[in-house]
Amino acid sequence: MALPPKGDVTRPIYLAARSMLVLGILCLIGSTCGLIGTIGMFAAMPAAPARTGGPPTTGQFIMVIGVVLLVITAIYAAIGVTFIICSVRIKQGKRWAVTTGLVLASIAAAFCGLSLLGNLAGMATGPAVGSDDWIGTLISALFLAAFIQLIVHLKQSFVGIERMAYGSQRGFDVVMPTAQPYNPQQYPPRQR
């Protein structure tokens, strides 16, 4: 579908819908990759003998990290699915889709901002900065910029949603029949 012309108040709705669809698909792809990596980490983990007391073992530490990664993966998958649903509903003029998208984009932007800060802190305190550090930081910064742009489009979409709700007619026009006066010559009485 073509975008409305610049200056049209409904244009941010379609820009937000397109951004939500793309970001939803990217969130699902990222959560799938995270799930595959976490399953691979669990598969490579050696079986530790059961013991009681003492400090946690390396296997237990890896298990806790794996569970945290699974929770983060599930959050990103839920955000991706919800973005895709909202991208369809926002084109239909649903106000709840704009609000839900705004809340989820804010949460995702906060996650990306924390990831970016973690990457920058790791690069500042780490012994050597490699290319993989820069790639992770760049990806986090690009996702943060995309989520911020989505937040701006969604904020501007409220005006377009109002115009869609009140500017166009919903339903149908009631057609009232017109009453014809009774004419006895037109309808003569029946003969028996």
N, C-alpha and C. Protein backbone atom coordinates (compact mmCIF):
# COMPACT_ATOMS: atom_id res chain seq x y z
N MET A 1 0.84 -1.17 0.00
CA MET A 1 0.00 0.00 0.00
C MET A 1 0.89 1.24 0.00
N ALA A 2 0.54 2.20 -0.81
CA ALA A 2 1.32 3.42 -0.90
C ALA A 2 1.07 4.30 0.32
N LEU A 3 2.08 5.05 0.69
CA LEU A 3 1.95 5.95 1.83
C LEU A 3 1.15 7.17 1.44
N PRO A 4 0.39 7.73 2.40
CA PRO A 4 -0.26 9.01 2.11
C PRO A 4 0.79 10.09 1.88
N PRO A 5 0.42 11.18 1.23
CA PRO A 5 1.41 12.23 0.94
C PRO A 5 1.91 12.89 2.22
N LYS A 6 3.08 13.53 2.11
CA LYS A 6 3.63 14.25 3.27
C LYS A 6 2.67 15.36 3.68
N GLY A 7 2.55 15.53 4.98
CA GLY A 7 1.64 16.52 5.51
C GLY A 7 0.28 15.94 5.88
N ASP A 8 -0.04 14.75 5.40
CA ASP A 8 -1.30 14.10 5.76
C ASP A 8 -1.18 13.55 7.18
N VAL A 9 -2.22 13.74 7.98
CA VAL A 9 -2.14 13.32 9.38
C VAL A 9 -2.20 11.81 9.55
N THR A 10 -2.59 11.08 8.52
CA THR A 10 -2.62 9.63 8.63
C THR A 10 -1.31 8.98 8.20
N ARG A 11 -0.38 9.76 7.69
CA ARG A 11 0.91 9.19 7.25
C ARG A 11 1.68 8.51 8.38
N PRO A 12 1.75 9.09 9.61
CA PRO A 12 2.48 8.39 10.68
C PRO A 12 1.89 7.04 11.04
N ILE A 13 0.59 6.85 10.80
CA ILE A 13 -0.02 5.54 11.08
C ILE A 13 0.61 4.48 10.19
N TYR A 14 0.72 4.77 8.91
CA TYR A 14 1.27 3.79 7.98
C TYR A 14 2.78 3.61 8.16
N LEU A 15 3.48 4.69 8.52
CA LEU A 15 4.92 4.56 8.82
C LEU A 15 5.13 3.71 10.07
N ALA A 16 4.30 3.93 11.09
CA ALA A 16 4.40 3.15 12.32
C ALA A 16 4.06 1.69 12.06
N ALA A 17 3.04 1.44 11.24
CA ALA A 17 2.65 0.06 10.94
C ALA A 17 3.78 -0.68 10.22
N ARG A 18 4.41 0.01 9.28
CA ARG A 18 5.52 -0.63 8.56
C ARG A 18 6.70 -0.88 9.47
N SER A 19 7.02 0.09 10.33
CA SER A 19 8.13 -0.09 11.26
C SER A 19 7.84 -1.19 12.26
N MET A 20 6.59 -1.26 12.73
CA MET A 20 6.24 -2.31 13.69
C MET A 20 6.34 -3.70 13.06
N LEU A 21 5.94 -3.81 11.82
CA LEU A 21 6.04 -5.11 11.15
C LEU A 21 7.49 -5.54 11.00
N VAL A 22 8.35 -4.63 10.55
CA VAL A 22 9.76 -4.96 10.37
C VAL A 22 10.43 -5.27 11.71
N LEU A 23 10.18 -4.44 12.72
CA LEU A 23 10.78 -4.68 14.03
C LEU A 23 10.23 -5.95 14.68
N GLY A 24 8.95 -6.25 14.45
CA GLY A 24 8.39 -7.49 14.98
C GLY A 24 9.06 -8.72 14.37
N ILE A 25 9.27 -8.68 13.06
CA ILE A 25 9.95 -9.80 12.40
C ILE A 25 11.40 -9.91 12.89
N LEU A 26 12.08 -8.78 13.04
CA LEU A 26 13.46 -8.81 13.53
C LEU A 26 13.54 -9.31 14.97
N CYS A 27 12.57 -8.94 15.80
CA CYS A 27 12.54 -9.45 17.18
C CYS A 27 12.32 -10.96 17.20
N LEU A 28 11.46 -11.46 16.32
CA LEU A 28 11.24 -12.91 16.25
C LEU A 28 12.49 -13.64 15.76
N ILE A 29 13.17 -13.07 14.77
CA ILE A 29 14.41 -13.69 14.28
C ILE A 29 15.47 -13.68 15.38
N GLY A 30 15.60 -12.56 16.09
CA GLY A 30 16.58 -12.48 17.18
C GLY A 30 16.26 -13.42 18.31
N SER A 31 14.98 -13.56 18.66
CA SER A 31 14.64 -14.48 19.74
C SER A 31 14.85 -15.93 19.32
N THR A 32 14.64 -16.23 18.05
CA THR A 32 14.91 -17.59 17.57
C THR A 32 16.41 -17.89 17.64
N CYS A 33 17.23 -16.93 17.23
CA CYS A 33 18.68 -17.14 17.33
C CYS A 33 19.12 -17.27 18.79
N GLY A 34 18.52 -16.47 19.67
CA GLY A 34 18.84 -16.58 21.09
C GLY A 34 18.42 -17.92 21.67
N LEU A 35 17.28 -18.43 21.22
CA LEU A 35 16.82 -19.74 21.69
C LEU A 35 17.75 -20.85 21.21
N ILE A 36 18.17 -20.77 19.96
CA ILE A 36 19.09 -21.78 19.43
C ILE A 36 20.42 -21.73 20.18
N GLY A 37 20.93 -20.52 20.45
CA GLY A 37 22.18 -20.40 21.19
C GLY A 37 22.07 -20.90 22.62
N THR A 38 20.94 -20.64 23.26
CA THR A 38 20.76 -21.09 24.64
C THR A 38 20.62 -22.60 24.70
N ILE A 39 19.91 -23.19 23.75
CA ILE A 39 19.80 -24.65 23.71
C ILE A 39 21.16 -25.27 23.45
N GLY A 40 21.95 -24.65 22.57
CA GLY A 40 23.31 -25.14 22.33
C GLY A 40 24.19 -25.04 23.57
N MET A 41 23.99 -23.97 24.35
CA MET A 41 24.76 -23.82 25.58
C MET A 41 24.37 -24.90 26.59
N PHE A 42 23.06 -25.21 26.69
CA PHE A 42 22.62 -26.27 27.59
C PHE A 42 23.12 -27.63 27.13
N ALA A 43 23.15 -27.86 25.82
CA ALA A 43 23.60 -29.15 25.29
C ALA A 43 25.09 -29.36 25.52
N ALA A 44 25.87 -28.28 25.50
CA ALA A 44 27.32 -28.40 25.68
C ALA A 44 27.72 -28.43 27.15
N MET A 45 26.77 -28.19 28.04
CA MET A 45 27.08 -28.14 29.46
C MET A 45 27.32 -29.57 29.98
N PRO A 46 28.42 -29.77 30.68
CA PRO A 46 28.68 -31.12 31.21
C PRO A 46 27.73 -31.41 32.37
N ALA A 47 27.41 -32.68 32.52
CA ALA A 47 26.54 -33.09 33.62
C ALA A 47 27.35 -33.06 34.92
N ALA A 48 26.82 -32.35 35.88
CA ALA A 48 27.51 -32.22 37.17
C ALA A 48 26.91 -33.20 38.17
N PRO A 49 27.76 -33.82 38.98
CA PRO A 49 27.22 -34.73 40.01
C PRO A 49 26.45 -33.92 41.06
N ALA A 50 25.45 -34.55 41.63
CA ALA A 50 24.66 -33.88 42.65
C ALA A 50 25.47 -33.78 43.94
N ARG A 51 25.42 -32.61 44.55
CA ARG A 51 26.10 -32.43 45.82
C ARG A 51 25.33 -31.42 46.64
N THR A 52 25.57 -31.42 47.91
CA THR A 52 24.87 -30.50 48.79
C THR A 52 25.87 -29.59 49.46
N GLY A 53 25.43 -28.34 49.65
CA GLY A 53 26.28 -27.37 50.35
C GLY A 53 27.42 -26.88 49.48
N GLY A 54 28.16 -25.93 50.01
CA GLY A 54 29.32 -25.39 49.32
C GLY A 54 28.95 -24.33 48.30
N PRO A 55 29.94 -23.75 47.68
CA PRO A 55 29.69 -22.70 46.68
C PRO A 55 29.09 -23.30 45.41
N PRO A 56 28.41 -22.47 44.63
CA PRO A 56 27.82 -23.00 43.39
C PRO A 56 28.91 -23.41 42.41
N THR A 57 28.60 -24.44 41.67
CA THR A 57 29.55 -24.94 40.67
C THR A 57 29.38 -24.16 39.38
N THR A 58 30.29 -24.40 38.45
CA THR A 58 30.22 -23.75 37.15
C THR A 58 28.97 -24.16 36.41
N GLY A 59 28.56 -25.42 36.51
CA GLY A 59 27.35 -25.89 35.85
C GLY A 59 26.11 -25.19 36.37
N GLN A 60 26.06 -24.96 37.69
CA GLN A 60 24.91 -24.26 38.25
C GLN A 60 24.89 -22.80 37.80
N PHE A 61 26.05 -22.19 37.71
CA PHE A 61 26.14 -20.81 37.25
C PHE A 61 25.68 -20.69 35.80
N ILE A 62 26.11 -21.64 34.97
CA ILE A 62 25.70 -21.63 33.56
C ILE A 62 24.19 -21.87 33.45
N MET A 63 23.65 -22.70 34.33
CA MET A 63 22.22 -22.97 34.31
C MET A 63 21.42 -21.70 34.62
N VAL A 64 21.88 -20.94 35.60
CA VAL A 64 21.18 -19.68 35.94
C VAL A 64 21.25 -18.70 34.78
N ILE A 65 22.42 -18.58 34.16
CA ILE A 65 22.55 -17.69 33.01
C ILE A 65 21.66 -18.16 31.86
N GLY A 66 21.57 -19.46 31.65
CA GLY A 66 20.71 -20.00 30.60
C GLY A 66 19.25 -19.69 30.83
N VAL A 67 18.81 -19.80 32.08
CA VAL A 67 17.41 -19.49 32.38
C VAL A 67 17.14 -18.00 32.15
N VAL A 68 18.07 -17.14 32.54
CA VAL A 68 17.91 -15.70 32.30
C VAL A 68 17.84 -15.42 30.80
N LEU A 69 18.70 -16.08 30.03
CA LEU A 69 18.66 -15.89 28.58
C LEU A 69 17.36 -16.39 27.97
N LEU A 70 16.81 -17.48 28.50
CA LEU A 70 15.53 -17.97 28.00
C LEU A 70 14.40 -16.98 28.30
N VAL A 71 14.43 -16.35 29.47
CA VAL A 71 13.42 -15.36 29.81
C VAL A 71 13.52 -14.14 28.88
N ILE A 72 14.74 -13.67 28.63
CA ILE A 72 14.93 -12.53 27.73
C ILE A 72 14.48 -12.90 26.31
N THR A 73 14.79 -14.12 25.88
CA THR A 73 14.35 -14.58 24.56
C THR A 73 12.84 -14.62 24.47
N ALA A 74 12.17 -15.09 25.52
CA ALA A 74 10.71 -15.14 25.52
C ALA A 74 10.11 -13.73 25.49
N ILE A 75 10.74 -12.79 26.18
CA ILE A 75 10.25 -11.41 26.17
C ILE A 75 10.34 -10.83 24.77
N TYR A 76 11.48 -11.03 24.10
CA TYR A 76 11.62 -10.50 22.74
C TYR A 76 10.67 -11.19 21.76
N ALA A 77 10.41 -12.48 21.96
CA ALA A 77 9.45 -13.17 21.09
C ALA A 77 8.04 -12.61 21.29
N ALA A 78 7.67 -12.36 22.55
CA ALA A 78 6.34 -11.79 22.83
C ALA A 78 6.22 -10.38 22.25
N ILE A 79 7.29 -9.60 22.36
CA ILE A 79 7.27 -8.25 21.78
C ILE A 79 7.14 -8.33 20.26
N GLY A 80 7.84 -9.27 19.63
CA GLY A 80 7.76 -9.41 18.18
C GLY A 80 6.37 -9.81 17.70
N VAL A 81 5.75 -10.77 18.37
CA VAL A 81 4.41 -11.21 17.98
C VAL A 81 3.41 -10.07 18.18
N THR A 82 3.53 -9.36 19.30
CA THR A 82 2.61 -8.27 19.58
C THR A 82 2.79 -7.12 18.58
N PHE A 83 4.02 -6.84 18.19
CA PHE A 83 4.26 -5.82 17.17
C PHE A 83 3.58 -6.19 15.85
N ILE A 84 3.66 -7.44 15.47
CA ILE A 84 3.05 -7.86 14.21
C ILE A 84 1.53 -7.73 14.28
N ILE A 85 0.95 -8.13 15.41
CA ILE A 85 -0.51 -7.99 15.58
C ILE A 85 -0.91 -6.51 15.55
N CYS A 86 -0.16 -5.69 16.27
CA CYS A 86 -0.49 -4.26 16.32
C CYS A 86 -0.29 -3.58 14.98
N SER A 87 0.67 -4.05 14.18
CA SER A 87 0.88 -3.42 12.88
C SER A 87 -0.31 -3.64 11.95
N VAL A 88 -0.99 -4.77 12.11
CA VAL A 88 -2.19 -5.01 11.31
C VAL A 88 -3.35 -4.17 11.83
N ARG A 89 -3.50 -4.10 13.14
CA ARG A 89 -4.65 -3.42 13.73
C ARG A 89 -4.55 -1.89 13.69
N ILE A 90 -3.33 -1.38 13.63
CA ILE A 90 -3.19 0.09 13.61
C ILE A 90 -3.67 0.65 12.28
N LYS A 91 -3.56 -0.12 11.21
CA LYS A 91 -4.07 0.33 9.91
C LYS A 91 -5.59 0.38 9.89
N GLN A 92 -6.22 -0.36 10.79
CA GLN A 92 -7.67 -0.36 10.88
C GLN A 92 -8.19 0.73 11.80
N GLY A 93 -7.28 1.53 12.34
CA GLY A 93 -7.68 2.65 13.17
C GLY A 93 -7.95 2.30 14.62
N LYS A 94 -7.33 1.24 15.11
CA LYS A 94 -7.55 0.82 16.50
C LYS A 94 -6.62 1.61 17.42
N ARG A 95 -7.23 2.31 18.35
CA ARG A 95 -6.47 3.14 19.29
C ARG A 95 -5.65 2.28 20.25
N TRP A 96 -6.16 1.10 20.63
CA TRP A 96 -5.43 0.24 21.55
C TRP A 96 -4.15 -0.27 20.91
N ALA A 97 -4.12 -0.41 19.59
CA ALA A 97 -2.91 -0.88 18.92
C ALA A 97 -1.80 0.17 19.02
N VAL A 98 -2.19 1.45 18.93
CA VAL A 98 -1.20 2.52 19.07
C VAL A 98 -0.65 2.55 20.49
N THR A 99 -1.55 2.43 21.47
CA THR A 99 -1.12 2.47 22.87
C THR A 99 -0.25 1.27 23.21
N THR A 100 -0.66 0.09 22.77
CA THR A 100 0.13 -1.12 23.03
C THR A 100 1.50 -1.02 22.35
N GLY A 101 1.51 -0.56 21.11
CA GLY A 101 2.79 -0.40 20.41
C GLY A 101 3.69 0.60 21.08
N LEU A 102 3.10 1.67 21.61
CA LEU A 102 3.89 2.69 22.30
C LEU A 102 4.51 2.14 23.57
N VAL A 103 3.74 1.38 24.33
CA VAL A 103 4.27 0.79 25.58
C VAL A 103 5.37 -0.23 25.26
N LEU A 104 5.12 -1.10 24.28
CA LEU A 104 6.12 -2.12 23.95
C LEU A 104 7.37 -1.52 23.32
N ALA A 105 7.20 -0.50 22.50
CA ALA A 105 8.38 0.16 21.92
C ALA A 105 9.21 0.84 23.01
N SER A 106 8.55 1.38 24.03
CA SER A 106 9.29 1.99 25.14
C SER A 106 10.05 0.93 25.93
N ILE A 107 9.42 -0.21 26.17
CA ILE A 107 10.10 -1.30 26.89
C ILE A 107 11.28 -1.82 26.07
N ALA A 108 11.06 -2.02 24.78
CA ALA A 108 12.14 -2.52 23.92
C ALA A 108 13.27 -1.49 23.81
N ALA A 109 12.92 -0.20 23.77
CA ALA A 109 13.96 0.84 23.73
C ALA A 109 14.76 0.85 25.02
N ALA A 110 14.09 0.60 26.15
CA ALA A 110 14.82 0.52 27.42
C ALA A 110 15.78 -0.67 27.43
N PHE A 111 15.32 -1.83 26.92
CA PHE A 111 16.21 -2.99 26.83
C PHE A 111 17.41 -2.71 25.92
N CYS A 112 17.14 -2.08 24.78
CA CYS A 112 18.24 -1.76 23.85
C CYS A 112 19.19 -0.73 24.45
N GLY A 113 18.64 0.23 25.19
CA GLY A 113 19.50 1.22 25.85
C GLY A 113 20.38 0.57 26.90
N LEU A 114 19.81 -0.36 27.68
CA LEU A 114 20.63 -1.08 28.67
C LEU A 114 21.70 -1.94 27.99
N SER A 115 21.33 -2.57 26.89
CA SER A 115 22.30 -3.36 26.14
C SER A 115 23.42 -2.49 25.60
N LEU A 116 23.05 -1.31 25.09
CA LEU A 116 24.06 -0.39 24.57
C LEU A 116 24.99 0.09 25.69
N LEU A 117 24.39 0.43 26.83
CA LEU A 117 25.23 0.85 27.97
C LEU A 117 26.14 -0.27 28.45
N GLY A 118 25.61 -1.50 28.47
CA GLY A 118 26.44 -2.65 28.86
C GLY A 118 27.59 -2.88 27.89
N ASN A 119 27.31 -2.76 26.60
CA ASN A 119 28.37 -2.92 25.60
C ASN A 119 29.43 -1.83 25.74
N LEU A 120 28.98 -0.59 25.95
CA LEU A 120 29.95 0.51 26.10
C LEU A 120 30.76 0.37 27.38
N ALA A 121 30.10 -0.06 28.47
CA ALA A 121 30.84 -0.26 29.73
C ALA A 121 31.84 -1.40 29.60
N GLY A 122 31.44 -2.47 28.90
CA GLY A 122 32.36 -3.59 28.69
C GLY A 122 33.54 -3.20 27.83
N MET A 123 33.30 -2.34 26.84
CA MET A 123 34.41 -1.90 25.99
C MET A 123 35.33 -0.95 26.74
N ALA A 124 34.77 -0.15 27.67
CA ALA A 124 35.60 0.81 28.41
C ALA A 124 36.45 0.12 29.46
N THR A 125 35.93 -0.93 30.08
CA THR A 125 36.67 -1.59 31.15
C THR A 125 37.42 -2.83 30.70
N GLY A 126 37.11 -3.31 29.50
CA GLY A 126 37.75 -4.53 29.01
C GLY A 126 39.20 -4.29 28.62
N PRO A 127 39.97 -5.38 28.55
CA PRO A 127 41.39 -5.24 28.22
C PRO A 127 41.63 -4.81 26.77
N ALA A 128 40.88 -5.36 25.85
CA ALA A 128 41.07 -5.03 24.44
C ALA A 128 39.71 -5.01 23.76
N VAL A 129 39.54 -4.08 22.85
CA VAL A 129 38.28 -3.96 22.14
C VAL A 129 38.42 -4.65 20.79
N GLY A 130 37.58 -5.67 20.57
CA GLY A 130 37.62 -6.40 19.31
C GLY A 130 36.51 -5.95 18.39
N SER A 131 36.51 -6.53 17.20
CA SER A 131 35.49 -6.14 16.22
C SER A 131 34.11 -6.60 16.65
N ASP A 132 34.02 -7.72 17.38
CA ASP A 132 32.72 -8.18 17.82
C ASP A 132 32.11 -7.24 18.85
N ASP A 133 32.93 -6.54 19.62
CA ASP A 133 32.41 -5.54 20.56
C ASP A 133 31.77 -4.38 19.81
N TRP A 134 32.43 -3.94 18.75
CA TRP A 134 31.89 -2.82 17.97
C TRP A 134 30.62 -3.22 17.23
N ILE A 135 30.56 -4.46 16.75
CA ILE A 135 29.37 -4.92 16.03
C ILE A 135 28.16 -4.98 16.96
N GLY A 136 28.35 -5.54 18.15
CA GLY A 136 27.25 -5.59 19.12
C GLY A 136 26.79 -4.21 19.53
N THR A 137 27.74 -3.30 19.71
CA THR A 137 27.39 -1.93 20.08
C THR A 137 26.64 -1.24 18.95
N LEU A 138 27.08 -1.44 17.72
CA LEU A 138 26.42 -0.84 16.56
C LEU A 138 25.00 -1.38 16.39
N ILE A 139 24.83 -2.68 16.56
CA ILE A 139 23.49 -3.28 16.43
C ILE A 139 22.56 -2.74 17.52
N SER A 140 23.06 -2.64 18.74
CA SER A 140 22.24 -2.09 19.83
C SER A 140 21.86 -0.64 19.55
N ALA A 141 22.80 0.14 19.03
CA ALA A 141 22.51 1.55 18.73
C ALA A 141 21.49 1.67 17.60
N LEU A 142 21.58 0.82 16.57
CA LEU A 142 20.63 0.87 15.47
C LEU A 142 19.22 0.48 15.92
N PHE A 143 19.13 -0.56 16.74
CA PHE A 143 17.81 -0.94 17.26
C PHE A 143 17.24 0.14 18.17
N LEU A 144 18.09 0.77 18.97
CA LEU A 144 17.62 1.85 19.83
C LEU A 144 17.08 3.00 18.99
N ALA A 145 17.79 3.36 17.91
CA ALA A 145 17.32 4.43 17.02
C ALA A 145 16.00 4.04 16.34
N ALA A 146 15.87 2.77 15.94
CA ALA A 146 14.62 2.32 15.29
C ALA A 146 13.45 2.37 16.27
N PHE A 147 13.67 1.97 17.51
CA PHE A 147 12.58 2.01 18.49
C PHE A 147 12.21 3.44 18.85
N ILE A 148 13.19 4.32 18.91
CA ILE A 148 12.88 5.74 19.19
C ILE A 148 12.08 6.34 18.03
N GLN A 149 12.45 6.01 16.80
CA GLN A 149 11.69 6.49 15.64
C GLN A 149 10.26 5.94 15.66
N LEU A 150 10.11 4.68 16.06
CA LEU A 150 8.78 4.10 16.16
C LEU A 150 7.95 4.81 17.22
N ILE A 151 8.57 5.16 18.34
CA ILE A 151 7.85 5.88 19.40
C ILE A 151 7.36 7.23 18.87
N VAL A 152 8.20 7.92 18.10
CA VAL A 152 7.79 9.22 17.54
C VAL A 152 6.62 9.04 16.58
N HIS A 153 6.69 8.03 15.70
CA HIS A 153 5.59 7.80 14.75
C HIS A 153 4.30 7.42 15.48
N LEU A 154 4.43 6.62 16.53
CA LEU A 154 3.23 6.22 17.26
C LEU A 154 2.60 7.40 18.00
N LYS A 155 3.43 8.30 18.53
CA LYS A 155 2.88 9.48 19.19
C LYS A 155 2.11 10.35 18.19
N GLN A 156 2.64 10.46 16.98
CA GLN A 156 1.98 11.26 15.96
C GLN A 156 0.75 10.55 15.39
N SER A 157 0.62 9.26 15.62
CA SER A 157 -0.49 8.49 15.06
C SER A 157 -1.81 8.76 15.76
N PHE A 158 -1.78 9.27 16.98
CA PHE A 158 -3.03 9.50 17.69
C PHE A 158 -3.93 10.48 16.95
N VAL A 159 -3.34 11.52 16.34
CA VAL A 159 -4.13 12.49 15.59
C VAL A 159 -4.76 11.82 14.37
N GLY A 160 -4.00 11.00 13.69
CA GLY A 160 -4.53 10.30 12.52
C GLY A 160 -5.61 9.31 12.87
N ILE A 161 -5.48 8.64 14.01
CA ILE A 161 -6.51 7.70 14.45
C ILE A 161 -7.82 8.44 14.72
N GLU A 162 -7.71 9.62 15.36
CA GLU A 162 -8.92 10.41 15.61
C GLU A 162 -9.57 10.82 14.29
N ARG A 163 -8.76 11.18 13.32
CA ARG A 163 -9.32 11.59 12.03
C ARG A 163 -9.96 10.40 11.33
N MET A 164 -9.33 9.24 11.45
CA MET A 164 -9.91 8.05 10.83
C MET A 164 -11.23 7.69 11.49
N ALA A 165 -11.33 7.90 12.80
CA ALA A 165 -12.55 7.53 13.53
C ALA A 165 -13.69 8.48 13.23
N TYR A 166 -13.41 9.79 13.16
CA TYR A 166 -14.48 10.76 12.99
C TYR A 166 -14.58 11.33 11.59
N GLY A 167 -13.52 11.19 10.79
CA GLY A 167 -13.54 11.77 9.46
C GLY A 167 -14.22 10.89 8.44
N SER A 168 -14.33 9.63 8.71
CA SER A 168 -14.97 8.74 7.75
C SER A 168 -16.24 8.17 8.38
N GLN A 169 -17.14 7.80 7.53
CA GLN A 169 -18.41 7.28 8.01
C GLN A 169 -18.28 5.79 8.26
N ARG A 170 -18.79 5.35 9.40
CA ARG A 170 -18.79 3.93 9.71
C ARG A 170 -20.23 3.44 9.65
N GLY A 171 -20.39 2.25 9.23
CA GLY A 171 -21.73 1.68 9.19
C GLY A 171 -22.45 2.03 7.90
N PHE A 172 -23.73 2.35 8.01
CA PHE A 172 -24.53 2.64 6.83
C PHE A 172 -25.53 3.74 7.16
N ASP A 173 -26.07 4.33 6.12
CA ASP A 173 -27.11 5.35 6.29
C ASP A 173 -28.45 4.66 6.45
N VAL A 174 -29.25 5.16 7.35
CA VAL A 174 -30.59 4.63 7.53
C VAL A 174 -31.47 5.23 6.44
N VAL A 175 -32.13 4.39 5.71
CA VAL A 175 -33.02 4.83 4.65
C VAL A 175 -34.45 4.71 5.19
N MET A 176 -35.08 5.85 5.35
CA MET A 176 -36.45 5.87 5.86
C MET A 176 -37.41 5.81 4.68
N PRO A 177 -38.37 4.92 4.74
CA PRO A 177 -39.35 4.89 3.64
C PRO A 177 -40.25 6.11 3.72
N THR A 178 -40.64 6.58 2.57
CA THR A 178 -41.55 7.72 2.54
C THR A 178 -42.98 7.20 2.49
N ALA A 179 -43.84 7.76 3.30
CA ALA A 179 -45.23 7.31 3.37
C ALA A 179 -46.03 7.92 2.22
N GLN A 180 -46.71 7.09 1.49
CA GLN A 180 -47.56 7.54 0.40
C GLN A 180 -48.98 7.71 0.95
N PRO A 181 -49.65 8.80 0.61
CA PRO A 181 -51.04 8.93 1.07
C PRO A 181 -51.92 7.90 0.37
N TYR A 182 -52.93 7.46 1.09
CA TYR A 182 -53.84 6.45 0.55
C TYR A 182 -54.74 7.08 -0.50
N ASN A 183 -54.77 6.45 -1.66
CA ASN A 183 -55.61 6.91 -2.77
C ASN A 183 -56.61 5.79 -3.07
N PRO A 184 -57.92 5.98 -2.81
CA PRO A 184 -58.88 4.90 -3.04
C PRO A 184 -59.03 4.54 -4.51
N GLN A 185 -58.79 5.45 -5.45
CA GLN A 185 -58.93 5.11 -6.86
C GLN A 185 -57.79 4.20 -7.30
N GLN A 186 -56.68 4.32 -6.67
CA GLN A 186 -55.53 3.50 -7.06
C GLN A 186 -55.73 2.05 -6.62
N TYR A 187 -56.38 1.88 -5.49
CA TYR A 187 -56.62 0.54 -4.96
C TYR A 187 -58.11 0.34 -4.75
N PRO A 188 -58.85 -0.05 -5.78
CA PRO A 188 -60.28 -0.26 -5.61
C PRO A 188 -60.54 -1.49 -4.74
N PRO A 189 -61.73 -1.53 -4.08
CA PRO A 189 -62.03 -2.69 -3.25
C PRO A 189 -62.22 -3.93 -4.11
N ARG A 190 -61.89 -5.08 -3.57
CA ARG A 190 -62.03 -6.34 -4.33
C ARG A 190 -63.48 -6.77 -4.40
N GLN A 191 -63.80 -7.38 -5.49
CA GLN A 191 -65.14 -7.92 -5.69
C GLN A 191 -65.17 -9.36 -5.22
N ARG A 192 -66.30 -9.76 -4.57
CA ARG A 192 -66.39 -11.13 -4.11
C ARG A 192 -67.38 -11.88 -4.89
